[in-house]
Amino acid sequence: MKLYKILLGAALVGAMSSCTLDVEPQQNVDVENIESVLPQDLVGGLYNRMQEMGYYGRNFNLYGDIGTDLISAAPSTSGRFEFHYELKKNFATTGSDADKNTFDAIYEVISNANLILQAEGLDMEDSDVVNAIGQAYFVRAFAYTDLLKAYGSVPLVLSAPTTVEEAIALKPELASRSEIFTQVYADIDNAIKNISNTSKINATVDAAKALKIRVMLFENELNPSKASDNATEIINLADELSANYTLTPIDKLFDYYQGEGGAETIFELKFASNQGRGSNNYGNIYGSPDAGMYGDYIASPLLFHAHPDTVILGGVVNDARFEASEEIGKTLIYQTADKDGSTLNWIMKYYSHDNTIGLHTPKLLRYAEVLLAKAEAHLIKGETALAAAAINELRQNRIVGYTDVTTVTLQDVYNEAAKEFAFEGHRMWDLRRTKQEVVVTDRTGVEIATEDPTVEGGVNNEGQQTWFPIPEREMLANPNIPENNWGY
């Protein structure tokens, strides 16, 4: 049986967020041809929604790094994401990008997944149908995980409206974070039971397992009493995944980020040149103007600083993740001189993909993340030598001339994660999860903003800047959300 029933009566419904009532088809298919829609076509629609500019098309990953110790503003910035960079987010301004804002974009993804999951009369003997259901569970779990990371308490909506009237009437209350975690785990388990796909551009069983590892680390922030049990399961899942993936070697890192696939990749969103957004392509905000990119932000000078008392994260000497040159398209960092003679470190991790400047296929789950989570889990259980072994495996493929260590600390793991996922959108969430202070500096190394994740309401009493506020228009449209999160 086809999955066309999913779309019947739903083609005119926008996202289920109460203020997001855009009238448009949910799966990018012609309503007149609904009966010919195949399960795999609807799955494609799920991932297409994840590619919105407000989500993984650009902004969500940028929000994870801009406004952290990894990023400084370039000399001639256009002011994009200025509020985030200066840690001045508020519920009126956050997410107000030219496309759909992040809150809305994520809920549109959830709505699409719900449409598949609430369909009736499906042929459960059809492997494509079963896989489509598994994909929907995975995508919904992934989307709610991102909401948990960025927003915390949000509405938990598990069905999609099928008429405009239903959408208008939908005004969901905030769910507790613990309720959302419970739902995410249930969705991941259902994804594992139903997915048969093996392509990395859609969810696989391995992707669901890797997502579960990520979720368990973030659950420790909410409920530290679960840390030991979660650590045991993280280690078991990591061991299961270790047989299927290998790390990208040092001399292939630049090419890895320009392309798609790779032995290290567990799950990615595939972008092609016809899906590019011109100057709004993800990489353009970081890349050098010498390469035809506008380059609003550069790598923090404190990553490369020559003075030991100011260098952060232990420095990046001989680290291929920060290999620099004065030649474009060869290394992950392109160096030029500022007018004052200082060095500008342009981020070229996303220089070009599919012959398109700044385009990128985001690698949303990688084996490196599994290894780092495993190292952290071993330390939670007091297994220092095993944690060191996991870190050594990663560093051998990242640092030229690396010598193995026999012991590591949690701070070592946190610093290694910051370097491994620099400019991939993890840093803000990890700083908060591990209760580390956020310190933002300009391109000369001067501090411009700070935030302490342990301070309720934020250090300036303007909202806890390591969390996102629910957008103002959502608050105004939904009386069932009486106050914002985190002191906003």
Protein backbone atom coordinates (compact mmCIF):
# COMPACT_ATOMS: atom_id res chain seq x y z
CA MET A 1 0.00 0.00 0.00
CA LYS A 2 1.19 3.53 -0.78
CA LEU A 3 1.48 6.12 1.98
CA TYR A 4 -0.76 8.62 0.19
CA LYS A 5 -3.26 8.62 3.06
CA ILE A 6 -0.70 10.53 5.09
CA LEU A 7 -1.26 13.60 2.96
CA LEU A 8 -5.00 13.46 2.51
CA GLY A 9 -6.44 16.58 4.07
CA ALA A 10 -2.99 17.74 5.16
CA ALA A 11 -1.59 19.46 2.12
CA LEU A 12 -2.65 22.92 3.25
CA VAL A 13 -1.31 22.68 6.78
CA GLY A 14 1.90 24.43 7.77
CA ALA A 15 3.98 23.61 10.81
CA MET A 16 2.10 22.65 13.93
CA SER A 17 3.66 25.44 15.91
CA SER A 18 0.66 27.58 16.82
CA CYS A 19 2.00 30.74 15.23
CA THR A 20 3.40 29.07 12.12
CA LEU A 21 0.44 28.69 9.86
CA ASP A 22 2.17 28.96 6.50
CA VAL A 23 -0.13 27.48 3.89
CA GLU A 24 2.00 25.09 1.87
CA PRO A 25 2.28 21.38 1.08
CA GLN A 26 4.10 19.39 3.73
CA GLN A 27 6.07 17.03 1.55
CA ASN A 28 6.77 18.98 -1.63
CA VAL A 29 4.48 16.82 -3.77
CA ASP A 30 1.67 17.73 -6.12
CA VAL A 31 -1.66 17.26 -4.34
CA GLU A 32 -3.26 16.04 -7.57
CA ASN A 33 -0.83 13.14 -7.67
CA ILE A 34 -1.04 12.10 -4.02
CA GLU A 35 -2.06 8.53 -4.83
CA SER A 36 1.19 7.94 -6.72
CA VAL A 37 3.41 8.98 -3.82
CA LEU A 38 5.79 6.23 -2.72
CA PRO A 39 7.09 5.76 0.82
CA GLN A 40 10.63 6.71 -0.16
CA ASP A 41 9.35 9.99 -1.62
CA LEU A 42 7.78 10.91 1.70
CA VAL A 43 11.00 10.04 3.49
CA GLY A 44 12.81 12.42 1.17
CA GLY A 45 10.38 15.11 2.26
CA LEU A 46 11.38 14.57 5.89
CA TYR A 47 15.02 15.25 5.18
CA ASN A 48 14.23 18.09 2.82
CA ARG A 49 12.56 19.89 5.74
CA MET A 50 15.71 19.44 7.81
CA GLN A 51 17.55 21.39 5.11
CA GLU A 52 15.63 24.62 5.77
CA MET A 53 18.00 27.55 6.30
CA GLY A 54 16.66 28.01 9.82
CA TYR A 55 17.68 24.44 10.65
CA TYR A 56 20.53 22.45 9.10
CA GLY A 57 20.51 24.49 5.90
CA ARG A 58 22.64 26.97 7.84
CA ASN A 59 21.57 28.50 11.10
CA PHE A 60 21.33 25.74 13.70
CA ASN A 61 24.96 24.74 13.38
CA LEU A 62 26.06 28.38 13.41
CA TYR A 63 24.15 28.97 16.63
CA GLY A 64 26.16 26.22 18.27
CA ASP A 65 29.46 28.03 17.68
CA ILE A 66 28.88 31.77 17.26
CA GLY A 67 29.00 33.22 20.74
CA THR A 68 31.59 30.75 22.06
CA ASP A 69 35.35 30.69 22.58
CA LEU A 70 35.90 29.20 19.11
CA ILE A 71 34.73 32.19 17.08
CA SER A 72 35.66 35.86 16.67
CA ALA A 73 34.19 38.47 14.36
CA ALA A 74 36.11 39.23 11.17
CA PRO A 75 37.36 42.78 10.49
CA SER A 76 34.57 43.65 8.04
CA THR A 77 31.57 41.84 9.48
CA SER A 78 28.09 42.49 8.10
CA GLY A 79 26.49 42.10 11.53
CA ARG A 80 24.89 38.73 10.82
CA PHE A 81 24.20 36.82 14.05
CA GLU A 82 25.52 39.75 16.07
CA PHE A 83 23.13 39.11 18.97
CA HIS A 84 24.39 35.55 19.27
CA TYR A 85 28.03 36.56 19.03
CA GLU A 86 27.66 39.14 21.80
CA LEU A 87 25.53 36.83 23.97
CA LYS A 88 22.55 39.15 23.76
CA LYS A 89 19.87 36.74 22.61
CA ASN A 90 16.34 37.59 23.64
CA PHE A 91 12.95 36.19 22.79
CA ALA A 92 12.15 38.98 20.33
CA THR A 93 15.24 38.67 18.17
CA THR A 94 16.50 35.10 18.29
CA GLY A 95 15.96 33.05 15.19
CA SER A 96 14.73 35.94 13.06
CA ASP A 97 16.51 34.80 9.93
CA ALA A 98 15.41 35.42 6.38
CA ASP A 99 13.93 31.96 6.01
CA LYS A 100 11.94 30.20 8.74
CA ASN A 101 13.33 30.70 12.21
CA THR A 102 14.86 27.72 13.95
CA PHE A 103 12.00 27.03 16.34
CA ASP A 104 9.49 26.94 13.47
CA ALA A 105 11.79 25.01 11.16
CA ILE A 106 12.31 22.22 13.69
CA TYR A 107 8.59 21.93 14.40
CA GLU A 108 7.85 21.67 10.68
CA VAL A 109 10.16 18.66 10.60
CA ILE A 110 8.30 17.16 13.56
CA SER A 111 4.96 17.81 11.85
CA ASN A 112 6.10 15.93 8.75
CA ALA A 113 7.22 12.98 10.86
CA ASN A 114 3.91 13.00 12.72
CA LEU A 115 1.98 12.86 9.45
CA ILE A 116 3.68 9.58 8.58
CA LEU A 117 3.35 8.12 12.06
CA GLN A 118 -0.36 8.85 12.36
CA ALA A 119 -1.25 7.31 9.00
CA GLU A 120 -3.78 4.44 9.12
CA GLY A 121 -4.31 1.33 7.05
CA LEU A 122 -0.70 0.85 6.02
CA ASP A 123 0.63 -2.44 4.68
CA MET A 124 3.08 -3.46 7.36
CA GLU A 125 4.28 -6.30 5.16
CA ASP A 126 5.73 -3.72 2.77
CA SER A 127 9.37 -3.19 3.76
CA ASP A 128 9.39 0.32 2.26
CA VAL A 129 6.42 1.30 4.42
CA VAL A 130 8.06 -0.11 7.56
CA ASN A 131 11.32 1.67 6.77
CA ALA A 132 9.46 4.95 6.20
CA ILE A 133 7.91 4.61 9.65
CA GLY A 134 11.35 3.98 11.13
CA GLN A 135 12.72 7.05 9.36
CA ALA A 136 9.90 9.17 10.78
CA TYR A 137 10.62 7.97 14.32
CA PHE A 138 14.32 8.78 13.86
CA VAL A 139 13.69 12.25 12.44
CA ARG A 140 11.23 13.12 15.21
CA ALA A 141 13.73 11.93 17.82
CA PHE A 142 16.51 13.94 16.18
CA ALA A 143 14.38 17.09 16.06
CA TYR A 144 13.28 16.84 19.68
CA THR A 145 16.90 16.18 20.71
CA ASP A 146 17.87 19.48 19.09
CA LEU A 147 15.02 21.25 20.87
CA LEU A 148 16.21 19.73 24.16
CA LYS A 149 19.74 20.95 23.47
CA ALA A 150 18.82 24.47 22.45
CA TYR A 151 15.51 25.33 24.13
CA GLY A 152 14.93 22.84 26.94
CA SER A 153 11.23 22.77 27.82
CA VAL A 154 9.09 22.96 24.68
CA PRO A 155 5.69 21.66 23.56
CA LEU A 156 5.65 17.91 22.96
CA VAL A 157 3.38 17.39 19.97
CA LEU A 158 2.94 13.83 18.69
CA SER A 159 0.26 14.31 16.04
CA ALA A 160 -0.11 16.71 13.15
CA PRO A 161 -3.22 18.74 12.37
CA THR A 162 -4.88 17.79 9.09
CA THR A 163 -6.89 20.97 8.55
CA VAL A 164 -6.12 24.65 8.93
CA GLU A 165 -8.78 24.84 11.64
CA GLU A 166 -7.03 22.14 13.64
CA ALA A 167 -3.73 23.93 13.24
CA ILE A 168 -5.19 27.21 14.49
CA ALA A 169 -6.74 25.48 17.50
CA LEU A 170 -3.50 23.73 18.41
CA LYS A 171 -1.97 25.56 21.38
CA PRO A 172 0.18 23.00 23.18
CA GLU A 173 1.56 23.45 26.68
CA LEU A 174 5.23 23.12 27.54
CA ALA A 175 6.33 19.59 28.38
CA SER A 176 8.98 18.91 30.99
CA ARG A 177 12.43 18.00 29.74
CA SER A 178 12.11 14.57 31.36
CA GLU A 179 8.90 13.90 29.39
CA ILE A 180 10.64 14.85 26.16
CA PHE A 181 13.65 12.64 26.91
CA THR A 182 11.29 9.71 27.54
CA GLN A 183 9.62 10.29 24.16
CA VAL A 184 12.95 10.62 22.36
CA TYR A 185 14.15 7.28 23.75
CA ALA A 186 10.89 5.62 22.70
CA ASP A 187 11.22 7.05 19.19
CA ILE A 188 14.83 5.88 18.91
CA ASP A 189 13.87 2.37 19.98
CA ASN A 190 11.08 2.31 17.39
CA ALA A 191 13.47 3.60 14.75
CA ILE A 192 15.88 0.75 15.48
CA LYS A 193 13.04 -1.79 15.16
CA ASN A 194 11.79 -0.50 11.81
CA ILE A 195 14.66 0.96 9.80
CA SER A 196 16.10 -1.15 6.98
CA ASN A 197 17.90 1.62 5.06
CA THR A 198 21.69 1.41 4.79
CA SER A 199 22.41 4.70 3.01
CA LYS A 200 24.10 7.38 5.12
CA ILE A 201 21.95 10.17 3.70
CA ASN A 202 18.93 8.67 5.49
CA ALA A 203 18.79 7.17 8.94
CA THR A 204 20.25 3.73 9.56
CA VAL A 205 20.07 1.54 12.63
CA ASP A 206 23.60 2.70 13.40
CA ALA A 207 22.49 6.34 13.17
CA ALA A 208 19.74 5.67 15.69
CA LYS A 209 22.27 4.08 18.05
CA ALA A 210 24.66 7.03 17.65
CA LEU A 211 21.82 9.44 18.32
CA LYS A 212 20.98 7.54 21.49
CA ILE A 213 24.57 7.99 22.67
CA ARG A 214 24.24 11.75 22.17
CA VAL A 215 20.92 11.87 23.99
CA MET A 216 22.23 9.98 27.01
CA LEU A 217 25.06 12.46 27.52
CA PHE A 218 22.60 15.35 27.45
CA GLU A 219 20.25 13.56 29.79
CA ASN A 220 23.06 13.50 32.37
CA GLU A 221 22.79 17.29 32.51
CA LEU A 222 19.16 17.03 33.56
CA ASN A 223 19.49 13.97 35.79
CA PRO A 224 23.04 13.26 37.02
CA SER A 225 21.77 10.20 38.90
CA LYS A 226 21.50 8.44 35.53
CA ALA A 227 25.11 9.14 34.58
CA SER A 228 26.54 5.76 35.57
CA ASP A 229 23.81 3.68 33.90
CA ASN A 230 23.93 5.86 30.82
CA ALA A 231 27.71 5.51 30.71
CA THR A 232 27.43 1.72 30.65
CA GLU A 233 24.99 1.81 27.74
CA ILE A 234 27.07 4.40 25.87
CA ILE A 235 30.11 2.12 26.07
CA ASN A 236 28.11 -0.90 24.88
CA LEU A 237 26.64 1.02 21.92
CA ALA A 238 30.03 2.50 21.04
CA ASP A 239 31.55 -0.97 20.97
CA GLU A 240 28.79 -2.14 18.64
CA LEU A 241 29.43 0.76 16.26
CA SER A 242 33.22 0.48 16.32
CA ALA A 243 33.25 -2.45 13.88
CA ASN A 244 31.52 -0.44 11.17
CA TYR A 245 33.40 2.86 11.09
CA THR A 246 36.96 4.21 10.91
CA LEU A 247 38.29 7.70 11.46
CA THR A 248 39.32 9.93 8.60
CA PRO A 249 43.13 9.94 8.36
CA ILE A 250 45.13 13.14 8.81
CA ASP A 251 45.90 13.69 5.14
CA LYS A 252 42.23 13.33 4.10
CA LEU A 253 40.52 15.73 6.53
CA PHE A 254 40.16 18.67 4.16
CA ASP A 255 38.72 16.50 1.39
CA TYR A 256 36.40 14.78 3.88
CA TYR A 257 34.63 18.01 4.73
CA GLN A 258 34.28 19.10 1.11
CA GLY A 259 32.65 15.84 0.05
CA GLU A 260 29.99 13.41 1.18
CA GLY A 261 30.07 9.96 2.68
CA GLY A 262 33.29 8.66 4.15
CA ALA A 263 34.12 5.75 6.44
CA GLU A 264 33.70 7.97 9.51
CA THR A 265 30.25 9.31 8.63
CA ILE A 266 27.24 7.71 10.28
CA PHE A 267 24.52 10.13 9.11
CA GLU A 268 24.56 13.23 6.92
CA LEU A 269 22.18 15.51 5.03
CA LYS A 270 23.06 15.50 1.37
CA PHE A 271 23.14 18.87 -0.39
CA ALA A 272 23.64 19.25 -4.14
CA SER A 273 24.47 22.37 -6.14
CA ASN A 274 20.81 22.92 -7.09
CA GLN A 275 19.99 23.09 -3.37
CA GLY A 276 22.49 25.89 -2.76
CA ARG A 277 21.42 29.19 -1.26
CA GLY A 278 23.98 31.42 -2.92
CA SER A 279 25.59 33.76 -0.44
CA ASN A 280 23.57 32.10 2.34
CA ASN A 281 25.37 28.79 1.94
CA TYR A 282 26.66 27.61 5.31
CA GLY A 283 30.36 27.94 4.60
CA ASN A 284 30.19 31.51 3.35
CA ILE A 285 29.81 32.99 6.81
CA TYR A 286 33.22 31.58 7.76
CA GLY A 287 35.21 31.54 4.50
CA SER A 288 37.62 34.20 3.29
CA PRO A 289 36.57 37.00 0.91
CA ASP A 290 39.65 36.00 -1.11
CA ALA A 291 37.70 32.84 -1.98
CA GLY A 292 34.51 34.70 -2.91
CA MET A 293 32.93 34.20 0.54
CA TYR A 294 31.80 37.01 2.83
CA GLY A 295 33.50 35.70 5.96
CA ASP A 296 31.78 37.39 8.90
CA TYR A 297 33.53 35.17 11.46
CA ILE A 298 36.99 33.67 11.86
CA ALA A 299 38.58 31.13 14.18
CA SER A 300 39.42 32.66 17.56
CA PRO A 301 43.03 33.86 17.74
CA LEU A 302 43.31 32.20 21.15
CA LEU A 303 43.31 28.81 19.45
CA PHE A 304 46.58 29.74 17.74
CA HIS A 305 48.06 32.25 20.21
CA ALA A 306 51.80 31.95 20.72
CA HIS A 307 51.69 32.76 24.45
CA PRO A 308 50.93 29.72 26.68
CA ASP A 309 49.06 31.84 29.20
CA THR A 310 46.40 32.82 26.68
CA VAL A 311 46.07 29.81 24.40
CA ILE A 312 42.82 27.86 24.84
CA LEU A 313 42.01 24.15 24.69
CA GLY A 314 45.66 23.24 25.06
CA GLY A 315 46.57 24.70 21.68
CA VAL A 316 46.49 23.22 18.20
CA VAL A 317 50.15 22.65 17.31
CA ASN A 318 50.54 19.90 14.66
CA ASP A 319 46.76 19.44 14.73
CA ALA A 320 45.40 18.66 11.26
CA ARG A 321 41.97 20.00 12.28
CA PHE A 322 43.57 23.45 12.35
CA GLU A 323 46.22 23.02 9.67
CA ALA A 324 46.78 26.44 8.13
CA SER A 325 48.28 27.77 4.93
CA GLU A 326 48.28 30.89 2.79
CA GLU A 327 46.81 28.95 -0.12
CA ILE A 328 43.06 28.57 -0.64
CA GLY A 329 41.55 25.12 -1.01
CA LYS A 330 44.36 23.15 0.56
CA THR A 331 43.86 23.25 4.33
CA LEU A 332 41.05 23.73 6.83
CA ILE A 333 42.41 27.17 7.86
CA TYR A 334 43.44 29.88 5.38
CA GLN A 335 45.66 32.58 6.87
CA THR A 336 45.92 36.21 5.83
CA ALA A 337 47.31 39.31 7.52
CA ASP A 338 45.08 41.99 9.05
CA LYS A 339 45.93 45.66 8.57
CA ASP A 340 47.61 45.74 11.97
CA GLY A 341 49.83 42.83 11.02
CA SER A 342 47.95 40.23 13.08
CA THR A 343 46.92 36.93 11.51
CA LEU A 344 43.35 36.21 10.44
CA ASN A 345 42.44 32.52 10.49
CA TRP A 346 39.63 31.96 7.99
CA ILE A 347 37.62 28.78 8.40
CA MET A 348 37.68 26.79 5.15
CA LYS A 349 36.15 23.60 6.48
CA TYR A 350 33.18 24.25 4.20
CA TYR A 351 34.95 25.87 1.26
CA SER A 352 33.26 24.04 -1.61
CA HIS A 353 30.97 21.10 -2.26
CA ASP A 354 29.51 19.88 -5.54
CA ASN A 355 31.36 22.70 -7.33
CA THR A 356 29.51 25.29 -5.24
CA ILE A 357 31.31 27.75 -2.98
CA GLY A 358 30.19 27.54 0.63
CA LEU A 359 27.86 24.57 0.10
CA HIS A 360 28.17 21.76 2.61
CA THR A 361 26.71 18.33 3.28
CA PRO A 362 26.41 18.41 7.11
CA LYS A 363 27.81 15.32 8.80
CA LEU A 364 25.36 15.17 11.67
CA LEU A 365 26.62 11.98 13.29
CA ARG A 366 30.25 10.88 13.08
CA TYR A 367 32.26 8.07 14.60
CA ALA A 368 34.49 10.66 16.28
CA GLU A 369 31.51 11.71 18.41
CA VAL A 370 30.96 8.10 19.42
CA LEU A 371 34.60 7.77 20.48
CA LEU A 372 34.56 10.95 22.55
CA ALA A 373 31.30 9.94 24.23
CA LYS A 374 32.88 6.57 25.01
CA ALA A 375 35.89 8.28 26.58
CA GLU A 376 33.62 10.45 28.73
CA ALA A 377 31.56 7.42 29.73
CA HIS A 378 34.67 5.51 30.82
CA LEU A 379 35.73 8.45 32.99
CA ILE A 380 32.27 8.59 34.57
CA LYS A 381 32.84 4.95 35.54
CA GLY A 382 36.37 5.66 36.75
CA GLU A 383 38.04 3.72 33.91
CA THR A 384 40.84 6.15 33.11
CA ALA A 385 43.01 3.88 30.99
CA LEU A 386 40.09 2.91 28.73
CA ALA A 387 39.18 6.58 28.33
CA ALA A 388 42.76 7.33 27.33
CA ALA A 389 42.65 4.54 24.73
CA ALA A 390 39.60 6.12 23.08
CA ILE A 391 41.24 9.56 23.05
CA ASN A 392 44.46 8.10 21.66
CA GLU A 393 42.56 6.49 18.80
CA LEU A 394 41.13 9.87 17.83
CA ARG A 395 44.31 11.90 18.27
CA GLN A 396 46.39 9.46 16.23
CA ASN A 397 44.22 10.46 13.28
CA ARG A 398 44.28 14.19 14.02
CA ILE A 399 47.71 15.19 15.40
CA VAL A 400 50.94 14.74 13.47
CA GLY A 401 53.56 12.89 15.51
CA TYR A 402 51.18 12.18 18.37
CA THR A 403 52.39 10.07 21.31
CA ASP A 404 49.81 8.05 23.24
CA VAL A 405 48.91 9.05 26.79
CA THR A 406 48.00 6.69 29.61
CA THR A 407 45.52 8.90 31.42
CA VAL A 408 43.08 11.69 30.62
CA THR A 409 40.65 13.86 32.59
CA LEU A 410 37.11 14.93 31.82
CA GLN A 411 38.46 18.37 30.94
CA ASP A 412 40.81 16.73 28.42
CA VAL A 413 37.80 15.06 26.80
CA TYR A 414 35.81 18.31 26.77
CA ASN A 415 38.72 20.15 25.15
CA GLU A 416 39.21 17.39 22.60
CA ALA A 417 35.53 17.54 21.67
CA ALA A 418 35.78 21.31 21.23
CA LYS A 419 38.62 20.86 18.76
CA GLU A 420 37.11 17.88 16.97
CA PHE A 421 33.76 19.57 16.38
CA ALA A 422 35.00 23.13 15.98
CA PHE A 423 32.67 25.01 13.61
CA GLU A 424 30.26 22.04 13.39
CA GLY A 425 27.75 23.48 15.84
CA HIS A 426 28.41 21.57 19.09
CA ARG A 427 30.32 23.97 21.31
CA MET A 428 27.60 26.06 22.98
CA TRP A 429 25.53 23.03 23.93
CA ASP A 430 28.59 21.17 25.24
CA LEU A 431 29.77 24.13 27.31
CA ARG A 432 26.40 24.31 28.99
CA ARG A 433 26.07 20.54 29.39
CA THR A 434 29.45 20.39 31.13
CA LYS A 435 28.85 23.63 33.08
CA GLN A 436 31.86 25.45 31.65
CA GLU A 437 31.93 29.24 31.43
CA VAL A 438 31.37 30.73 27.98
CA VAL A 439 33.97 33.37 27.08
CA VAL A 440 33.81 35.23 23.76
CA THR A 441 36.76 37.30 22.53
CA ASP A 442 37.26 39.59 19.56
CA ARG A 443 39.91 39.00 16.91
CA THR A 444 42.57 40.66 19.07
CA GLY A 445 41.87 38.34 21.99
CA VAL A 446 39.99 40.91 24.08
CA GLU A 447 37.00 39.52 26.01
CA ILE A 448 33.66 40.91 24.84
CA ALA A 449 31.06 38.69 26.51
CA THR A 450 30.74 35.90 29.06
CA GLU A 451 28.06 33.59 30.40
CA ASP A 452 28.02 31.12 33.26
CA PRO A 453 25.68 28.15 32.65
CA THR A 454 25.23 27.65 36.39
CA VAL A 455 23.71 31.12 36.96
CA GLU A 456 19.92 31.10 36.86
CA GLY A 457 18.66 33.77 34.49
CA GLY A 458 22.13 34.52 33.13
CA VAL A 459 25.03 36.64 34.36
CA ASN A 460 23.43 39.86 33.11
CA ASN A 461 19.96 38.87 34.28
CA GLU A 462 18.79 39.06 30.66
CA GLY A 463 18.12 35.37 30.16
CA GLN A 464 20.45 32.39 30.33
CA GLN A 465 22.38 32.85 27.09
CA THR A 466 23.45 29.22 26.80
CA TRP A 467 19.78 28.43 26.18
CA PHE A 468 17.49 29.75 23.47
CA PRO A 469 14.26 31.50 24.41
CA ILE A 470 10.97 30.52 22.84
CA PRO A 471 10.28 33.16 20.15
CA GLU A 472 8.14 36.11 21.17
CA ARG A 473 5.47 35.58 18.53
CA GLU A 474 5.00 32.00 19.70
CA MET A 475 4.47 33.28 23.22
CA LEU A 476 1.94 35.84 22.02
CA ALA A 477 0.04 33.32 19.88
CA ASN A 478 -0.09 30.56 22.47
CA PRO A 479 -1.61 31.46 25.86
CA ASN A 480 -0.73 27.96 27.11
CA ILE A 481 2.93 29.05 27.32
CA PRO A 482 2.56 31.66 30.08
CA GLU A 483 6.26 32.43 30.62
CA ASN A 484 9.52 31.90 28.83
CA ASN A 485 12.35 29.55 29.73
CA TRP A 486 15.60 30.34 31.51
CA GLY A 487 14.86 33.85 32.77
CA TYR A 488 13.99 35.53 29.48
